[in-house]
Amino acid sequence: MNTMTLDQMLAYLEKAMKKKHHPDWLGWVGQNKIFKLKTIPIDSVSPADGWQGDQNNIDKLFKSNLSDSPIIVVHKNGAIIDGNHRHQALKKQGAKTIQAFVGENFKDGKKKG
């Protein structure tokens, strides 16, 4: 699937997120109408403020093929909602680009960025 609606993304995230994440993630996700799968520069996105990664998880993912595990980027500033560990592992692997679902068509009428 190359495009997800807001409802599809919310269902995906609720299933994928097994523990409490940043308290504002639902608001950030809800600012978008659709999410498109894109290849973007890896340095154009970053972990959400306050995110603290598990280095053991990053090291484990570093040894994995992450090409079919896109991250979710929804905040206008490029903050990652889901996939922070995958992002860090891919950076460690030397990746220059990353697959990501990027939120578009912001409800406030502004373009991303």
PDB file of N, CA and C in Angstrom:
ATOM      1  N   MET A   1       0.851  -1.170   0.000  1.00  0.00           N
ATOM      2  CA  MET A   1       0.000   0.000   0.000  1.00  0.00           C
ATOM      3  C   MET A   1       0.897   1.235   0.000  1.00  0.00           C
ATOM      4  N   ASN A   2       0.722   2.098  -0.988  1.00  0.00           N
ATOM      5  CA  ASN A   2       1.547   3.299  -1.108  1.00  0.00           C
ATOM      6  C   ASN A   2       0.915   4.536  -0.513  1.00  0.00           C
ATOM      7  N   THR A   3      -0.381   4.472  -0.212  1.00  0.00           N
ATOM      8  CA  THR A   3      -1.092   5.588   0.387  1.00  0.00           C
ATOM      9  C   THR A   3      -2.037   5.059   1.450  1.00  0.00           C
ATOM     10  N   MET A   4      -2.109   5.769   2.572  1.00  0.00           N
ATOM     11  CA  MET A   4      -3.057   5.424   3.626  1.00  0.00           C
ATOM     12  C   MET A   4      -3.888   6.651   3.956  1.00  0.00           C
ATOM     13  N   THR A   5      -5.161   6.426   4.248  1.00  0.00           N
ATOM     14  CA  THR A   5      -6.006   7.500   4.740  1.00  0.00           C
ATOM     15  C   THR A   5      -5.699   7.711   6.217  1.00  0.00           C
ATOM     16  N   LEU A   6      -6.231   8.762   6.783  1.00  0.00           N
ATOM     17  CA  LEU A   6      -6.045   9.016   8.208  1.00  0.00           C
ATOM     18  C   LEU A   6      -6.565   7.841   9.030  1.00  0.00           C
ATOM     19  N   ASP A   7      -7.746   7.341   8.706  1.00  0.00           N
ATOM     20  CA  ASP A   7      -8.307   6.215   9.459  1.00  0.00           C
ATOM     21  C   ASP A   7      -7.429   4.968   9.360  1.00  0.00           C
ATOM     22  N   GLN A   8      -6.896   4.697   8.178  1.00  0.00           N
ATOM     23  CA  GLN A   8      -6.009   3.542   8.007  1.00  0.00           C
ATOM     24  C   GLN A   8      -4.735   3.708   8.827  1.00  0.00           C
ATOM     25  N   MET A   9      -4.182   4.921   8.839  1.00  0.00           N
ATOM     26  CA  MET A   9      -2.957   5.173   9.599  1.00  0.00           C
ATOM     27  C   MET A   9      -3.219   5.037  11.092  1.00  0.00           C
ATOM     28  N   LEU A  10      -4.321   5.579  11.569  1.00  0.00           N
ATOM     29  CA  LEU A  10      -4.641   5.454  12.985  1.00  0.00           C
ATOM     30  C   LEU A  10      -4.788   3.996  13.390  1.00  0.00           C
ATOM     31  N   ALA A  11      -5.445   3.203  12.553  1.00  0.00           N
ATOM     32  CA  ALA A  11      -5.609   1.770  12.851  1.00  0.00           C
ATOM     33  C   ALA A  11      -4.256   1.075  12.872  1.00  0.00           C
ATOM     34  N   TYR A  12      -3.385   1.416  11.919  1.00  0.00           N
ATOM     35  CA  TYR A  12      -2.049   0.820  11.878  1.00  0.00           C
ATOM     36  C   TYR A  12      -1.256   1.171  13.138  1.00  0.00           C
ATOM     37  N   LEU A  13      -1.263   2.438  13.509  1.00  0.00           N
ATOM     38  CA  LEU A  13      -0.482   2.879  14.660  1.00  0.00           C
ATOM     39  C   LEU A  13      -1.014   2.303  15.970  1.00  0.00           C
ATOM     40  N   GLU A  14      -2.317   2.225  16.107  1.00  0.00           N
ATOM     41  CA  GLU A  14      -2.875   1.657  17.332  1.00  0.00           C
ATOM     42  C   GLU A  14      -2.480   0.188  17.485  1.00  0.00           C
ATOM     43  N   LYS A  15      -2.382  -0.517  16.371  1.00  0.00           N
ATOM     44  CA  LYS A  15      -1.951  -1.919  16.413  1.00  0.00           C
ATOM     45  C   LYS A  15      -0.442  -2.011  16.669  1.00  0.00           C
ATOM     46  N   ALA A  16       0.329  -1.118  16.041  1.00  0.00           N
ATOM     47  CA  ALA A  16       1.789  -1.188  16.114  1.00  0.00           C
ATOM     48  C   ALA A  16       2.342  -0.686  17.446  1.00  0.00           C
ATOM     49  N   MET A  17       1.678   0.280  18.058  1.00  0.00           N
ATOM     50  CA  MET A  17       2.203   0.884  19.283  1.00  0.00           C
ATOM     51  C   MET A  17       1.707   0.108  20.488  1.00  0.00           C
ATOM     52  N   LYS A  18       2.614  -0.621  21.094  1.00  0.00           N
ATOM     53  CA  LYS A  18       2.249  -1.480  22.218  1.00  0.00           C
ATOM     54  C   LYS A  18       2.441  -0.808  23.567  1.00  0.00           C
ATOM     55  N   LYS A  19       3.165   0.290  23.585  1.00  0.00           N
ATOM     56  CA  LYS A  19       3.371   1.011  24.848  1.00  0.00           C
ATOM     57  C   LYS A  19       3.137   2.493  24.613  1.00  0.00           C
ATOM     58  N   LYS A  20       3.051   3.233  25.684  1.00  0.00           N
ATOM     59  CA  LYS A  20       2.761   4.663  25.586  1.00  0.00           C
ATOM     60  C   LYS A  20       3.891   5.378  24.850  1.00  0.00           C
ATOM     61  N   HIS A  21       3.502   6.223  23.922  1.00  0.00           N
ATOM     62  CA  HIS A  21       4.451   7.028  23.169  1.00  0.00           C
ATOM     63  C   HIS A  21       4.201   8.503  23.474  1.00  0.00           C
ATOM     64  N   HIS A  22       4.864   9.359  22.761  1.00  0.00           N
ATOM     65  CA  HIS A  22       4.739  10.792  22.965  1.00  0.00           C
ATOM     66  C   HIS A  22       3.258  11.162  23.071  1.00  0.00           C
ATOM     67  N   PRO A  23       2.862  11.938  24.077  1.00  0.00           N
ATOM     68  CA  PRO A  23       1.443  12.224  24.302  1.00  0.00           C
ATOM     69  C   PRO A  23       0.767  12.991  23.168  1.00  0.00           C
ATOM     70  N   ASP A  24       1.525  13.642  22.325  1.00  0.00           N
ATOM     71  CA  ASP A  24       0.925  14.429  21.250  1.00  0.00           C
ATOM     72  C   ASP A  24       0.802  13.679  19.927  1.00  0.00           C
ATOM     73  N   TRP A  25       1.190  12.383  19.876  1.00  0.00           N
ATOM     74  CA  TRP A  25       1.233  11.714  18.575  1.00  0.00           C
ATOM     75  C   TRP A  25      -0.122  11.670  17.896  1.00  0.00           C
ATOM     76  N   LEU A  26      -1.194  11.452  18.641  1.00  0.00           N
ATOM     77  CA  LEU A  26      -2.512  11.380  18.024  1.00  0.00           C
ATOM     78  C   LEU A  26      -2.877  12.719  17.377  1.00  0.00           C
ATOM     79  N   GLY A  27      -2.555  13.809  18.042  1.00  0.00           N
ATOM     80  CA  GLY A  27      -2.804  15.124  17.470  1.00  0.00           C
ATOM     81  C   GLY A  27      -1.990  15.366  16.220  1.00  0.00           C
ATOM     82  N   TRP A  28      -0.737  14.947  16.237  1.00  0.00           N
ATOM     83  CA  TRP A  28       0.124  15.126  15.067  1.00  0.00           C
ATOM     84  C   TRP A  28      -0.409  14.326  13.884  1.00  0.00           C
ATOM     85  N   VAL A  29      -0.775  13.077  14.136  1.00  0.00           N
ATOM     86  CA  VAL A  29      -1.283  12.219  13.072  1.00  0.00           C
ATOM     87  C   VAL A  29      -2.577  12.807  12.512  1.00  0.00           C
ATOM     88  N   GLY A  30      -3.445  13.271  13.390  1.00  0.00           N
ATOM     89  CA  GLY A  30      -4.740  13.784  12.980  1.00  0.00           C
ATOM     90  C   GLY A  30      -4.690  15.060  12.165  1.00  0.00           C
ATOM     91  N   GLN A  31      -3.531  15.701  12.081  1.00  0.00           N
ATOM     92  CA  GLN A  31      -3.391  16.917  11.273  1.00  0.00           C
ATOM     93  C   GLN A  31      -3.273  16.616   9.789  1.00  0.00           C
ATOM     94  N   ASN A  32      -3.242  15.351   9.434  1.00  0.00           N
ATOM     95  CA  ASN A  32      -3.026  14.944   8.052  1.00  0.00           C
ATOM     96  C   ASN A  32      -4.245  14.217   7.511  1.00  0.00           C
ATOM     97  N   LYS A  33      -4.469  14.351   6.220  1.00  0.00           N
ATOM     98  CA  LYS A  33      -5.583  13.647   5.584  1.00  0.00           C
ATOM     99  C   LYS A  33      -5.132  12.329   4.982  1.00  0.00           C
ATOM    100  N   ILE A  34      -3.937  12.322   4.411  1.00  0.00           N
ATOM    101  CA  ILE A  34      -3.402  11.104   3.801  1.00  0.00           C
ATOM    102  C   ILE A  34      -1.922  10.966   4.143  1.00  0.00           C
ATOM    103  N   PHE A  35      -1.414   9.765   3.926  1.00  0.00           N
ATOM    104  CA  PHE A  35      -0.007   9.444   4.175  1.00  0.00           C
ATOM    105  C   PHE A  35       0.514   8.725   2.947  1.00  0.00           C
ATOM    106  N   LYS A  36       1.551   9.282   2.332  1.00  0.00           N
ATOM    107  CA  LYS A  36       2.119   8.699   1.114  1.00  0.00           C
ATOM    108  C   LYS A  36       3.477   8.087   1.421  1.00  0.00           C
ATOM    109  N   LEU A  37       3.697   6.897   0.874  1.00  0.00           N
ATOM    110  CA  LEU A  37       4.984   6.229   1.000  1.00  0.00           C
ATOM    111  C   LEU A  37       5.960   6.890   0.038  1.00  0.00           C
ATOM    112  N   LYS A  38       7.067   7.387   0.588  1.00  0.00           N
ATOM    113  CA  LYS A  38       8.069   8.088  -0.209  1.00  0.00           C
ATOM    114  C   LYS A  38       9.463   7.640   0.198  1.00  0.00           C
ATOM    115  N   THR A  39      10.396   7.848  -0.692  1.00  0.00           N
ATOM    116  CA  THR A  39      11.810   7.700  -0.360  1.00  0.00           C
ATOM    117  C   THR A  39      12.322   9.111  -0.099  1.00  0.00           C
ATOM    118  N   ILE A  40      12.827   9.321   1.113  1.00  0.00           N
ATOM    119  CA  ILE A  40      13.270  10.656   1.516  1.00  0.00           C
ATOM    120  C   ILE A  40      14.700  10.585   2.049  1.00  0.00           C
ATOM    121  N   PRO A  41      15.416  11.711   2.058  1.00  0.00           N
ATOM    122  CA  PRO A  41      16.751  11.717   2.661  1.00  0.00           C
ATOM    123  C   PRO A  41      16.647  11.361   4.150  1.00  0.00           C
ATOM    124  N   ILE A  42      17.502  10.478   4.601  1.00  0.00           N
ATOM    125  CA  ILE A  42      17.425  10.006   5.986  1.00  0.00           C
ATOM    126  C   ILE A  42      17.633  11.137   6.980  1.00  0.00           C
ATOM    127  N   ASP A  43      18.409  12.136   6.615  1.00  0.00           N
ATOM    128  CA  ASP A  43      18.666  13.242   7.527  1.00  0.00           C
ATOM    129  C   ASP A  43      17.573  14.309   7.503  1.00  0.00           C
ATOM    130  N   SER A  44      16.531  14.113   6.678  1.00  0.00           N
ATOM    131  CA  SER A  44      15.439  15.090   6.626  1.00  0.00           C
ATOM    132  C   SER A  44      14.410  14.859   7.728  1.00  0.00           C
ATOM    133  N   VAL A  45      14.561  13.757   8.465  1.00  0.00           N
ATOM    134  CA  VAL A  45      13.656  13.449   9.571  1.00  0.00           C
ATOM    135  C   VAL A  45      14.477  13.136  10.811  1.00  0.00           C
ATOM    136  N   SER A  46      13.820  13.224  11.968  1.00  0.00           N
ATOM    137  CA  SER A  46      14.530  12.967  13.212  1.00  0.00           C
ATOM    138  C   SER A  46      13.557  12.420  14.252  1.00  0.00           C
ATOM    139  N   PRO A  47      14.097  11.758  15.274  1.00  0.00           N
ATOM    140  CA  PRO A  47      13.228  11.276  16.346  1.00  0.00           C
ATOM    141  C   PRO A  47      12.468  12.426  16.994  1.00  0.00           C
ATOM    142  N   ALA A  48      11.291  12.101  17.485  1.00  0.00           N
ATOM    143  CA  ALA A  48      10.472  13.102  18.163  1.00  0.00           C
ATOM    144  C   ALA A  48      11.196  13.618  19.404  1.00  0.00           C
ATOM    145  N   ASP A  49      10.893  14.857  19.776  1.00  0.00           N
ATOM    146  CA  ASP A  49      11.484  15.440  20.985  1.00  0.00           C
ATOM    147  C   ASP A  49      11.235  14.532  22.176  1.00  0.00           C
ATOM    148  N   GLY A  50      12.267  14.314  22.950  1.00  0.00           N
ATOM    149  CA  GLY A  50      12.134  13.506  24.155  1.00  0.00           C
ATOM    150  C   GLY A  50      12.263  12.013  23.940  1.00  0.00           C
ATOM    151  N   TRP A  51      12.405  11.582  22.671  1.00  0.00           N
ATOM    152  CA  TRP A  51      12.526  10.152  22.414  1.00  0.00           C
ATOM    153  C   TRP A  51      13.846   9.647  22.959  1.00  0.00           C
ATOM    154  N   GLN A  52      13.778   8.533  23.683  1.00  0.00           N
ATOM    155  CA  GLN A  52      14.977   7.895  24.205  1.00  0.00           C
ATOM    156  C   GLN A  52      15.012   6.477  23.665  1.00  0.00           C
ATOM    157  N   GLY A  53      15.968   6.214  22.812  1.00  0.00           N
ATOM    158  CA  GLY A  53      16.057   4.917  22.170  1.00  0.00           C
ATOM    159  C   GLY A  53      16.695   3.860  23.048  1.00  0.00           C
ATOM    160  N   ASP A  54      16.426   2.639  22.694  1.00  0.00           N
ATOM    161  CA  ASP A  54      17.005   1.471  23.340  1.00  0.00           C
ATOM    162  C   ASP A  54      18.161   1.013  22.453  1.00  0.00           C
ATOM    163  N   GLN A  55      19.386   1.251  22.888  1.00  0.00           N
ATOM    164  CA  GLN A  55      20.557   0.939  22.066  1.00  0.00           C
ATOM    165  C   GLN A  55      20.611  -0.539  21.692  1.00  0.00           C
ATOM    166  N   ASN A  56      20.177  -1.428  22.569  1.00  0.00           N
ATOM    167  CA  ASN A  56      20.153  -2.860  22.237  1.00  0.00           C
ATOM    168  C   ASN A  56      19.207  -3.131  21.076  1.00  0.00           C
ATOM    169  N   ASN A  57      18.071  -2.458  21.059  1.00  0.00           N
ATOM    170  CA  ASN A  57      17.119  -2.623  19.957  1.00  0.00           C
ATOM    171  C   ASN A  57      17.707  -2.072  18.664  1.00  0.00           C
ATOM    172  N   ILE A  58      18.362  -0.921  18.727  1.00  0.00           N
ATOM    173  CA  ILE A  58      19.003  -0.344  17.540  1.00  0.00           C
ATOM    174  C   ILE A  58      20.069  -1.291  17.012  1.00  0.00           C
ATOM    175  N   ASP A  59      20.899  -1.843  17.907  1.00  0.00           N
ATOM    176  CA  ASP A  59      21.952  -2.771  17.492  1.00  0.00           C
ATOM    177  C   ASP A  59      21.367  -4.030  16.856  1.00  0.00           C
ATOM    178  N   LYS A  60      20.264  -4.525  17.401  1.00  0.00           N
ATOM    179  CA  LYS A  60      19.598  -5.708  16.841  1.00  0.00           C
ATOM    180  C   LYS A  60      19.068  -5.398  15.443  1.00  0.00           C
ATOM    181  N   LEU A  61      18.410  -4.243  15.290  1.00  0.00           N
ATOM    182  CA  LEU A  61      17.868  -3.845  13.994  1.00  0.00           C
ATOM    183  C   LEU A  61      18.971  -3.548  12.990  1.00  0.00           C
ATOM    184  N   PHE A  62      20.120  -3.079  13.460  1.00  0.00           N
ATOM    185  CA  PHE A  62      21.265  -2.781  12.595  1.00  0.00           C
ATOM    186  C   PHE A  62      21.648  -3.993  11.759  1.00  0.00           C
ATOM    187  N   LYS A  63      21.452  -5.175  12.318  1.00  0.00           N
ATOM    188  CA  LYS A  63      21.812  -6.426  11.644  1.00  0.00           C
ATOM    189  C   LYS A  63      20.696  -6.942  10.736  1.00  0.00           C
ATOM    190  N   SER A  64      19.581  -6.221  10.665  1.00  0.00           N
ATOM    191  CA  SER A  64      18.402  -6.668   9.921  1.00  0.00           C
ATOM    192  C   SER A  64      18.281  -5.965   8.579  1.00  0.00           C
ATOM    193  N   ASN A  65      17.479  -6.572   7.701  1.00  0.00           N
ATOM    194  CA  ASN A  65      17.088  -5.932   6.450  1.00  0.00           C
ATOM    195  C   ASN A  65      15.852  -5.100   6.752  1.00  0.00           C
ATOM    196  N   LEU A  66      15.990  -3.798   6.696  1.00  0.00           N
ATOM    197  CA  LEU A  66      14.906  -2.895   7.061  1.00  0.00           C
ATOM    198  C   LEU A  66      14.225  -2.266   5.848  1.00  0.00           C
ATOM    199  N   SER A  67      14.506  -2.787   4.673  1.00  0.00           N
ATOM    200  CA  SER A  67      13.994  -2.164   3.452  1.00  0.00           C
ATOM    201  C   SER A  67      12.481  -2.237   3.327  1.00  0.00           C
ATOM    202  N   ASP A  68      11.836  -3.184   3.996  1.00  0.00           N
ATOM    203  CA  ASP A  68      10.383  -3.298   3.876  1.00  0.00           C
ATOM    204  C   ASP A  68       9.672  -2.819   5.139  1.00  0.00           C
ATOM    205  N   SER A  69      10.327  -1.990   5.928  1.00  0.00           N
ATOM    206  CA  SER A  69       9.760  -1.478   7.176  1.00  0.00           C
ATOM    207  C   SER A  69       9.808   0.042   7.182  1.00  0.00           C
ATOM    208  N   PRO A  70       8.895   0.698   6.453  1.00  0.00           N
ATOM    209  CA  PRO A  70       8.948   2.164   6.425  1.00  0.00           C
ATOM    210  C   PRO A  70       8.640   2.771   7.775  1.00  0.00           C
ATOM    211  N   ILE A  71       9.216   3.940   7.997  1.00  0.00           N
ATOM    212  CA  ILE A  71       8.915   4.688   9.211  1.00  0.00           C
ATOM    213  C   ILE A  71       7.684   5.551   8.937  1.00  0.00           C
ATOM    214  N   ILE A  72       7.131   6.110   9.976  1.00  0.00           N
ATOM    215  CA  ILE A  72       5.978   6.991   9.853  1.00  0.00           C
ATOM    216  C   ILE A  72       6.420   8.394  10.250  1.00  0.00           C
ATOM    217  N   VAL A  73       6.305   9.343   9.352  1.00  0.00           N
ATOM    218  CA  VAL A  73       6.675  10.730   9.616  1.00  0.00           C
ATOM    219  C   VAL A  73       5.420  11.565   9.436  1.00  0.00           C
ATOM    220  N   VAL A  74       4.959  12.207  10.472  1.00  0.00           N
ATOM    221  CA  VAL A  74       3.733  12.960  10.312  1.00  0.00           C
ATOM    222  C   VAL A  74       3.814  14.405  10.773  1.00  0.00           C
ATOM    223  N   HIS A  75       4.697  14.731  11.674  1.00  0.00           N
ATOM    224  CA  HIS A  75       4.725  16.104  12.166  1.00  0.00           C
ATOM    225  C   HIS A  75       5.339  17.015  11.112  1.00  0.00           C
ATOM    226  N   LYS A  76       4.868  18.233  11.029  1.00  0.00           N
ATOM    227  CA  LYS A  76       5.338  19.176  10.017  1.00  0.00           C
ATOM    228  C   LYS A  76       6.837  19.435  10.097  1.00  0.00           C
ATOM    229  N   ASN A  77       7.426  19.242  11.281  1.00  0.00           N
ATOM    230  CA  ASN A  77       8.862  19.488  11.417  1.00  0.00           C
ATOM    231  C   ASN A  77       9.705  18.261  11.074  1.00  0.00           C
ATOM    232  N   GLY A  78       9.062  17.175  10.605  1.00  0.00           N
ATOM    233  CA  GLY A  78       9.791  15.974  10.218  1.00  0.00           C
ATOM    234  C   GLY A  78      10.015  14.999  11.352  1.00  0.00           C
ATOM    235  N   ALA A  79       9.343  15.190  12.480  1.00  0.00           N
ATOM    236  CA  ALA A  79       9.506  14.274  13.613  1.00  0.00           C
ATOM    237  C   ALA A  79       8.888  12.915  13.288  1.00  0.00           C
ATOM    238  N   ILE A  80       9.577  11.872  13.696  1.00  0.00           N
ATOM    239  CA  ILE A  80       9.140  10.499  13.464  1.00  0.00           C
ATOM    240  C   ILE A  80       8.159  10.093  14.561  1.00  0.00           C
ATOM    241  N   ILE A  81       7.027   9.547  14.162  1.00  0.00           N
ATOM    242  CA  ILE A  81       6.031   9.057  15.111  1.00  0.00           C
ATOM    243  C   ILE A  81       6.283   7.589  15.434  1.00  0.00           C
ATOM    244  N   ASP A  82       6.560   6.795  14.428  1.00  0.00           N
ATOM    245  CA  ASP A  82       6.813   5.368  14.607  1.00  0.00           C
ATOM    246  C   ASP A  82       7.995   4.991  13.736  1.00  0.00           C
ATOM    247  N   GLY A  83       8.950   4.275  14.285  1.00  0.00           N
ATOM    248  CA  GLY A  83      10.096   3.846  13.506  1.00  0.00           C
ATOM    249  C   GLY A  83      11.401   4.512  13.901  1.00  0.00           C
ATOM    250  N   ASN A  84      11.443   5.104  15.086  1.00  0.00           N
ATOM    251  CA  ASN A  84      12.670   5.769  15.533  1.00  0.00           C
ATOM    252  C   ASN A  84      13.852   4.807  15.604  1.00  0.00           C
ATOM    253  N   HIS A  85      13.636   3.605  16.119  1.00  0.00           N
ATOM    254  CA  HIS A  85      14.729   2.626  16.209  1.00  0.00           C
ATOM    255  C   HIS A  85      15.187   2.197  14.813  1.00  0.00           C
ATOM    256  N   ARG A  86      14.232   1.989  13.892  1.00  0.00           N
ATOM    257  CA  ARG A  86      14.599   1.621  12.516  1.00  0.00           C
ATOM    258  C   ARG A  86      15.401   2.754  11.873  1.00  0.00           C
ATOM    259  N   HIS A  87      14.984   3.999  12.091  1.00  0.00           N
ATOM    260  CA  HIS A  87      15.682   5.156  11.550  1.00  0.00           C
ATOM    261  C   HIS A  87      17.129   5.185  12.032  1.00  0.00           C
ATOM    262  N   GLN A  88      17.324   5.010  13.342  1.00  0.00           N
ATOM    263  CA  GLN A  88      18.675   5.040  13.899  1.00  0.00           C
ATOM    264  C   GLN A  88      19.520   3.870  13.393  1.00  0.00           C
ATOM    265  N   ALA A  89      18.903   2.693  13.246  1.00  0.00           N
ATOM    266  CA  ALA A  89      19.632   1.520  12.735  1.00  0.00           C
ATOM    267  C   ALA A  89      20.039   1.733  11.280  1.00  0.00           C
ATOM    268  N   LEU A  90      19.160   2.292  10.465  1.00  0.00           N
ATOM    269  CA  LEU A  90      19.493   2.567   9.067  1.00  0.00           C
ATOM    270  C   LEU A  90      20.600   3.613   8.963  1.00  0.00           C
ATOM    271  N   LYS A  91      20.566   4.632   9.812  1.00  0.00           N
ATOM    272  CA  LYS A  91      21.659   5.619   9.825  1.00  0.00           C
ATOM    273  C   LYS A  91      22.981   4.925  10.149  1.00  0.00           C
ATOM    274  N   LYS A  92      22.925   4.027  11.125  1.00  0.00           N
ATOM    275  CA  LYS A  92      24.125   3.293  11.516  1.00  0.00           C
ATOM    276  C   LYS A  92      24.628   2.405  10.375  1.00  0.00           C
ATOM    277  N   GLN A  93      23.696   1.900   9.549  1.00  0.00           N
ATOM    278  CA  GLN A  93      24.067   1.087   8.393  1.00  0.00           C
ATOM    279  C   GLN A  93      24.648   1.940   7.267  1.00  0.00           C
ATOM    280  N   GLY A  94      24.518   3.248   7.380  1.00  0.00           N
ATOM    281  CA  GLY A  94      25.049   4.143   6.362  1.00  0.00           C
ATOM    282  C   GLY A  94      24.050   4.535   5.287  1.00  0.00           C
ATOM    283  N   ALA A  95      22.775   4.262   5.503  1.00  0.00           N
ATOM    284  CA  ALA A  95      21.749   4.602   4.520  1.00  0.00           C
ATOM    285  C   ALA A  95      21.674   6.114   4.327  1.00  0.00           C
ATOM    286  N   LYS A  96      21.474   6.523   3.099  1.00  0.00           N
ATOM    287  CA  LYS A  96      21.319   7.947   2.778  1.00  0.00           C
ATOM    288  C   LYS A  96      19.847   8.316   2.595  1.00  0.00           C
ATOM    289  N   THR A  97      19.019   7.318   2.273  1.00  0.00           N
ATOM    290  CA  THR A  97      17.587   7.535   2.111  1.00  0.00           C
ATOM    291  C   THR A  97      16.836   6.507   2.951  1.00  0.00           C
ATOM    292  N   ILE A  98      15.550   6.783   3.136  1.00  0.00           N
ATOM    293  CA  ILE A  98      14.720   5.904   3.942  1.00  0.00           C
ATOM    294  C   ILE A  98      13.299   5.925   3.376  1.00  0.00           C
ATOM    295  N   GLN A  99      12.618   4.787   3.458  1.00  0.00           N
ATOM    296  CA  GLN A  99      11.213   4.721   3.088  1.00  0.00           C
ATOM    297  C   GLN A  99      10.387   5.245   4.261  1.00  0.00           C
ATOM    298  N   ALA A 100       9.439   6.116   3.971  1.00  0.00           N
ATOM    299  CA  ALA A 100       8.632   6.690   5.039  1.00  0.00           C
ATOM    300  C   ALA A 100       7.231   7.017   4.538  1.00  0.00           C
ATOM    301  N   PHE A 101       6.261   6.814   5.416  1.00  0.00           N
ATOM    302  CA  PHE A 101       4.916   7.325   5.166  1.00  0.00           C
ATOM    303  C   PHE A 101       4.911   8.753   5.679  1.00  0.00           C
ATOM    304  N   VAL A 102       4.685   9.701   4.784  1.00  0.00           N
ATOM    305  CA  VAL A 102       4.735  11.113   5.124  1.00  0.00           C
ATOM    306  C   VAL A 102       3.324  11.683   5.069  1.00  0.00           C
ATOM    307  N   GLY A 103       2.924  12.351   6.147  1.00  0.00           N
ATOM    308  CA  GLY A 103       1.606  12.966   6.193  1.00  0.00           C
ATOM    309  C   GLY A 103       1.516  14.140   5.239  1.00  0.00           C
ATOM    310  N   GLU A 104       0.388  14.229   4.535  1.00  0.00           N
ATOM    311  CA  GLU A 104       0.164  15.311   3.586  1.00  0.00           C
ATOM    312  C   GLU A 104      -1.245  15.856   3.721  1.00  0.00           C
ATOM    313  N   ASN A 105      -1.483  16.960   3.041  1.00  0.00           N
ATOM    314  CA  ASN A 105      -2.795  17.609   3.042  1.00  0.00           C
ATOM    315  C   ASN A 105      -3.206  17.984   4.450  1.00  0.00           C
ATOM    316  N   PHE A 106      -2.394  18.778   5.094  1.00  0.00           N
ATOM    317  CA  PHE A 106      -2.653  19.177   6.461  1.00  0.00           C
ATOM    318  C   PHE A 106      -3.995  19.865   6.558  1.00  0.00           C
ATOM    319  N   LYS A 107      -4.725  19.560   7.590  1.00  0.00           N
ATOM    320  CA  LYS A 107      -6.068  20.104   7.776  1.00  0.00           C
ATOM    321  C   LYS A 107      -6.062  21.605   7.975  1.00  0.00           C
ATOM    322  N   ASP A 108      -4.899  22.175   8.370  1.00  0.00           N
ATOM    323  CA  ASP A 108      -4.843  23.629   8.549  1.00  0.00           C
ATOM    324  C   ASP A 108      -4.668  24.357   7.229  1.00  0.00           C
ATOM    325  N   GLY A 109      -4.593  23.598   6.118  1.00  0.00           N
ATOM    326  CA  GLY A 109      -4.481  24.194   4.797  1.00  0.00           C
ATOM    327  C   GLY A 109      -3.072  24.564   4.398  1.00  0.00           C
ATOM    328  N   LYS A 110      -2.109  24.337   5.262  1.00  0.00           N
ATOM    329  CA  LYS A 110      -0.724  24.672   4.960  1.00  0.00           C
ATOM    330  C   LYS A 110      -0.010  23.458   4.387  1.00  0.00           C
ATOM    331  N   LYS A 111       0.975  23.714   3.590  1.00  0.00           N
ATOM    332  CA  LYS A 111       1.795  22.636   3.062  1.00  0.00           C
ATOM    333  C   LYS A 111       2.774  22.179   4.132  1.00  0.00           C
ATOM    334  N   LYS A 112       3.229  20.938   4.001  1.00  0.00           N
ATOM    335  CA  LYS A 112       4.226  20.400   4.921  1.00  0.00           C
ATOM    336  C   LYS A 112       5.459  21.286   4.877  1.00  0.00           C
ATOM    337  N   GLY A 113       6.019  21.541   6.073  1.00  0.00           N
ATOM    338  CA  GLY A 113       7.280  22.269   6.150  1.00  0.00           C
ATOM    339  C   GLY A 113       7.173  23.699   6.434  1.00  0.00           C
TER     340      GLY A 113
END
